[in-house]
Every structure is written in structure tokens, then in C-alpha cells.
Amino acid sequence: MRYLELVGAPPPGAPRFFRLVADSPHVDEARLLEWNASTEDALTALYAVDGDADAFAGEVGDSSVVVGFDITRVDDDRFYMLVVGRPSEAPLFQQVVDSISRMGLIVATPVVYREGTAQFRIVGESEVLQSMIDAVPAGFEVDVHSIGTFPDEATAPTRTLSERQRATVTAALELGYYESPRNATHADIAERLGCAPNTVTEHLQKAEAKLVRAAMRGPVTSRD
């Protein structure tokens, strides 16, 4: 199984909603988490957004593609948004989605919108992925940022851990080391594993560094 990592900007004439999600001054980043075609001409999508909920809601309500939306705030700078839209108002995007579905490919979530672009991965067989690039309709420009084997460390970050690092993190989780407040110390983990506390410290530091790097790397941006 392979993936294509693609980066593209909403094309000229794209519905205002897509341009807002990608490049609104009130949004630092938006992540499309899930979507579902609820009816023939209605698509429901769930976004996680870093930005100003009130200001963005005022903009979204003025977009022809949006039938309705609901916002749940996490804090002052983060919110979730459930959007019901009309695919018929975005024929170019619908054409791309239909091509992906017809070819038996999958768009891996999240789709990340930031700095005026959408960044996403399409997963499938190598030959079909090449056909997908050839089938991108005129007017929808995307760049192939990378091609790789799925999953990789970005989609399955624990694959980067050594056996001892994985065992140490697992023991730490089971003992409550990552609870707040912590229910275990490095000495407790060391006793469980039958090693010295400084060995636990070393394994946790290396494992946490790998996991954080993989989590923060995420989908690419145009600056990468």
C-alpha cells in the first residue's frame, strides 16, 4: 500500500467556504477530521479549528456552499465545527472526490488547511495512485510533495520506537506516569521492568522525543 502526499490551493472560483478554511485571517489552521455524504446533495463534515470561533462563524454563514453549521468551543482559540454543505455548489471538488471514490482510493484524515493551502494524503495501490494524478481536472492544481509506503512514522509514530522504548512507555502508561497528577515515578517504572531508574529516564526521553517529533511534523506545509 502506498500514499501520495499532496498540497494544493483552492482554485479560482472555488466556493468562498474553501477559501476561508484555507486562508481566513481568523483561522491559524483547520483540520478536516471526518466527512459523510448524508444525502445526494448534502455532505456533512467535521473540522477542528485553531482560531477565533465568533469571527469565523460570521464569515462561514455568508458562504453559498454551506447549508448549516454548528460550533463547539474548546477554549478561546480552539473549536470544532460541524458543517452541512451542498456538493453541487462545488462541482470541481465533487469531481475530485468522485474520481477518488471510483478508483478505490482513500483520503487519509486529517486534511489540513493552513497558509492558503490544503495538505492531504491519498492512500491506495501504486498504479492507481498514478492514475489519480493524471485524472486531476483542469483548474485544480496540486503538487506531489512525497510518495511513500503506508503507514509510515507520521501515521504510526510508535513504529519508530525500539523494543525497550516501547516497553518503557507501555509500563509508564499502565502505572499512571502520564496521569495528572502523576501516579508513578521513574523508580516505579524501573521496578516493573527490572532495570535502573536512569535507564528508564533514558528510554522515556528518547521515546518521547520520537513521538513528539512525529506528532508535530504532521502533514507538510508549503514552507517544508
Protein backbone atom coordinates (compact mmCIF):
# COMPACT_ATOMS: atom_id res chain seq x y z
CA MET A 1 0.00 0.00 0.00
CA ARG A 2 1.31 3.45 -0.94
CA TYR A 3 0.40 7.07 -0.38
CA LEU A 4 0.67 10.36 -2.22
CA GLU A 5 1.10 13.49 -0.11
CA LEU A 6 -0.43 16.40 -1.99
CA VAL A 7 -0.53 20.15 -1.47
CA GLY A 8 -2.93 22.40 -3.34
CA ALA A 9 -4.66 25.75 -3.10
CA PRO A 10 -8.39 26.30 -3.70
CA PRO A 11 -8.66 27.13 -7.42
CA PRO A 12 -10.02 30.43 -8.75
CA GLY A 13 -13.77 30.41 -8.49
CA ALA A 14 -13.84 27.91 -5.60
CA PRO A 15 -16.71 28.45 -3.14
CA ARG A 16 -15.89 31.04 -0.51
CA PHE A 17 -16.05 28.45 2.27
CA PHE A 18 -12.97 26.58 0.99
CA ARG A 19 -11.01 29.80 0.64
CA LEU A 20 -11.98 30.80 4.17
CA VAL A 21 -10.98 27.46 5.69
CA ALA A 22 -7.61 27.62 3.94
CA ASP A 23 -6.81 31.30 4.33
CA SER A 24 -9.13 33.18 6.68
CA PRO A 25 -7.38 35.79 8.83
CA HIS A 26 -9.38 34.37 11.74
CA VAL A 27 -8.01 30.81 11.36
CA ASP A 28 -4.48 29.62 12.06
CA GLU A 29 -5.22 26.04 10.98
CA ALA A 30 -8.28 23.92 10.17
CA ARG A 31 -8.29 20.11 10.07
CA LEU A 32 -10.99 18.13 8.31
CA LEU A 33 -11.45 15.11 10.59
CA GLU A 34 -14.39 13.24 9.02
CA TRP A 35 -16.98 13.67 6.31
CA ASN A 36 -20.06 11.82 5.12
CA ALA A 37 -22.42 12.22 2.17
CA SER A 38 -25.68 12.27 4.10
CA THR A 39 -27.91 12.76 1.02
CA GLU A 40 -27.44 13.10 -2.72
CA ASP A 41 -26.78 16.84 -2.39
CA ALA A 42 -25.69 17.21 1.23
CA LEU A 43 -22.31 16.49 2.72
CA THR A 44 -21.59 16.72 6.45
CA ALA A 45 -18.03 17.48 7.56
CA LEU A 46 -16.37 17.79 10.98
CA TYR A 47 -13.50 20.26 11.38
CA ALA A 48 -11.15 21.01 14.28
CA VAL A 49 -10.10 24.65 14.05
CA ASP A 50 -7.46 26.80 15.72
CA GLY A 51 -8.79 30.34 15.55
CA ASP A 52 -11.50 32.84 16.51
CA ALA A 53 -14.84 31.00 16.57
CA ASP A 54 -17.10 34.07 16.56
CA ALA A 55 -15.30 35.87 13.75
CA PHE A 56 -15.07 32.74 11.62
CA ALA A 57 -18.74 31.86 12.16
CA GLY A 58 -19.72 35.25 10.75
CA GLU A 59 -17.74 34.53 7.59
CA VAL A 60 -18.94 30.95 7.10
CA GLY A 61 -22.59 31.95 7.32
CA ASP A 62 -22.11 34.05 4.19
CA SER A 63 -20.94 31.13 2.01
CA SER A 64 -23.33 29.69 -0.61
CA VAL A 65 -21.97 26.15 -0.25
CA VAL A 66 -22.91 25.98 3.46
CA VAL A 67 -26.44 24.86 4.34
CA GLY A 68 -25.86 24.99 8.08
CA PHE A 69 -23.17 24.67 10.73
CA ASP A 70 -22.72 24.19 14.45
CA ILE A 71 -19.73 25.23 16.57
CA THR A 72 -18.49 23.82 19.89
CA ARG A 73 -15.77 25.81 21.63
CA VAL A 74 -12.84 24.08 23.34
CA ASP A 75 -11.29 27.33 24.61
CA ASP A 76 -10.73 30.87 23.35
CA ASP A 77 -8.54 29.75 20.46
CA ARG A 78 -9.88 26.29 19.50
CA PHE A 79 -13.24 24.96 18.37
CA TYR A 80 -14.97 22.16 16.49
CA MET A 81 -17.27 22.92 13.58
CA LEU A 82 -19.88 20.59 12.06
CA VAL A 83 -20.78 21.81 8.56
CA VAL A 84 -23.52 20.68 6.19
CA GLY A 85 -22.74 21.72 2.63
CA ARG A 86 -24.05 21.39 -0.93
CA PRO A 87 -21.63 19.46 -3.19
CA SER A 88 -23.49 20.85 -6.21
CA GLU A 89 -22.13 24.29 -5.29
CA ALA A 90 -18.56 22.96 -5.61
CA PRO A 91 -18.53 20.88 -8.83
CA LEU A 92 -14.74 20.88 -9.20
CA PHE A 93 -14.22 19.49 -5.69
CA GLN A 94 -17.02 16.98 -6.21
CA GLN A 95 -15.35 15.80 -9.40
CA VAL A 96 -12.12 15.13 -7.50
CA VAL A 97 -13.95 13.30 -4.69
CA ASP A 98 -15.88 11.19 -7.22
CA SER A 99 -12.64 10.24 -9.01
CA ILE A 100 -11.01 9.17 -5.75
CA SER A 101 -14.02 7.05 -4.81
CA ARG A 102 -14.36 5.49 -8.27
CA MET A 103 -10.69 4.44 -8.27
CA GLY A 104 -10.96 2.76 -4.87
CA LEU A 105 -8.64 5.24 -3.16
CA ILE A 106 -8.89 6.72 0.31
CA VAL A 107 -8.24 10.25 1.54
CA ALA A 108 -6.47 9.81 4.87
CA THR A 109 -7.59 12.28 7.51
CA PRO A 110 -6.90 14.83 8.69
CA VAL A 111 -6.91 17.09 5.67
CA VAL A 112 -5.01 20.14 6.92
CA TYR A 113 -5.80 23.68 5.74
CA ARG A 114 -3.27 26.40 6.50
CA GLU A 115 -1.43 29.25 4.82
CA GLY A 116 -3.79 29.20 1.85
CA THR A 117 -3.35 25.51 1.01
CA ALA A 118 -4.89 22.11 1.68
CA GLN A 119 -2.48 19.29 2.54
CA PHE A 120 -3.65 15.68 2.43
CA ARG A 121 -2.71 12.07 1.71
CA ILE A 122 -4.36 9.71 -0.74
CA VAL A 123 -3.81 6.02 0.02
CA GLY A 124 -4.08 3.08 -2.40
CA GLU A 125 -2.24 0.88 -4.87
CA SER A 126 0.75 2.41 -6.67
CA GLU A 127 -0.65 2.09 -10.20
CA VAL A 128 -4.00 3.57 -9.22
CA LEU A 129 -2.36 6.50 -7.43
CA GLN A 130 -0.55 7.46 -10.62
CA SER A 131 -3.86 7.30 -12.47
CA MET A 132 -5.35 9.65 -9.89
CA ILE A 133 -2.74 12.32 -10.59
CA ASP A 134 -3.43 12.01 -14.32
CA ALA A 135 -7.17 12.40 -13.66
CA VAL A 136 -6.98 15.66 -11.68
CA PRO A 137 -9.30 18.04 -13.55
CA ALA A 138 -8.02 21.18 -15.22
CA GLY A 139 -8.16 24.17 -12.90
CA PHE A 140 -7.34 22.15 -9.79
CA GLU A 141 -3.60 22.39 -9.33
CA VAL A 142 -1.88 20.12 -6.79
CA ASP A 143 1.76 19.39 -6.14
CA VAL A 144 3.01 15.94 -5.15
CA HIS A 145 5.10 16.58 -2.06
CA SER A 146 6.06 12.98 -1.34
CA ILE A 147 5.32 9.34 -2.14
CA GLY A 148 5.81 6.58 0.39
CA THR A 149 4.72 3.33 1.97
CA PHE A 150 1.65 3.47 4.19
CA PRO A 151 1.77 3.55 7.16
CA ASP A 152 4.94 5.50 7.89
CA GLU A 153 6.16 7.16 11.08
CA ALA A 154 3.79 10.09 10.61
CA THR A 155 0.72 7.84 10.57
CA ALA A 156 2.06 5.22 13.00
CA PRO A 157 4.66 7.04 15.15
CA THR A 158 5.15 4.08 17.53
CA ARG A 159 6.89 2.24 14.66
CA THR A 160 9.94 4.41 15.34
CA LEU A 161 10.34 3.12 18.93
CA SER A 162 12.81 0.42 19.85
CA GLU A 163 11.53 -2.63 21.73
CA ARG A 164 12.87 -1.30 25.05
CA GLN A 165 11.48 2.18 24.45
CA ARG A 166 8.05 0.74 23.65
CA ALA A 167 8.13 -1.46 26.78
CA THR A 168 9.10 1.53 28.93
CA VAL A 169 6.37 3.78 27.58
CA THR A 170 3.82 0.96 27.96
CA ALA A 171 4.81 0.42 31.60
CA ALA A 172 4.67 4.16 32.24
CA LEU A 173 1.13 4.32 30.83
CA GLU A 174 -0.03 1.32 32.85
CA LEU A 175 1.40 2.69 36.09
CA GLY A 176 -0.13 6.14 35.64
CA TYR A 177 3.07 8.05 34.93
CA TYR A 178 1.26 10.19 32.36
CA GLU A 179 -1.75 10.91 34.57
CA SER A 180 -2.22 14.35 36.13
CA PRO A 181 -1.08 14.29 38.87
CA ARG A 182 1.40 11.51 38.17
CA ASN A 183 0.80 8.21 39.93
CA ALA A 184 4.26 6.74 39.29
CA THR A 185 7.93 7.72 39.24
CA HIS A 186 10.88 6.54 37.18
CA ALA A 187 11.78 4.32 40.12
CA ASP A 188 8.33 2.67 39.97
CA ILE A 189 8.71 2.02 36.26
CA ALA A 190 12.22 0.68 36.80
CA GLU A 191 10.93 -1.76 39.41
CA ARG A 192 8.28 -3.02 36.98
CA LEU A 193 10.87 -3.53 34.23
CA GLY A 194 13.69 -4.78 36.43
CA CYS A 195 16.17 -2.08 35.44
CA ALA A 196 17.76 1.05 36.89
CA PRO A 197 15.80 4.35 37.14
CA ASN A 198 18.39 6.15 34.98
CA THR A 199 17.75 3.55 32.25
CA VAL A 200 14.04 4.37 32.41
CA THR A 201 14.87 8.06 32.14
CA GLU A 202 16.95 7.47 29.03
CA HIS A 203 14.33 5.28 27.33
CA LEU A 204 11.48 7.71 28.09
CA GLN A 205 13.41 10.74 26.89
CA LYS A 206 14.29 9.11 23.58
CA ALA A 207 10.82 7.65 23.08
CA GLU A 208 9.05 10.91 23.90
CA ALA A 209 11.34 12.85 21.55
CA LYS A 210 10.49 10.48 18.69
CA LEU A 211 6.75 10.62 19.37
CA VAL A 212 6.66 14.40 19.71
CA ARG A 213 8.65 14.90 16.50
CA ALA A 214 6.29 12.60 14.60
CA ALA A 215 3.20 14.30 16.05
CA MET A 216 4.45 17.82 15.34
CA ARG A 217 5.65 17.00 11.85
CA GLY A 218 2.14 16.13 10.64
CA PRO A 219 1.16 16.86 7.05
CA VAL A 220 3.57 19.11 5.17
CA THR A 221 3.24 22.82 4.53
CA SER A 222 4.46 24.82 1.58
CA ARG A 223 7.37 26.01 3.73
CA ASP A 224 8.73 22.49 4.39
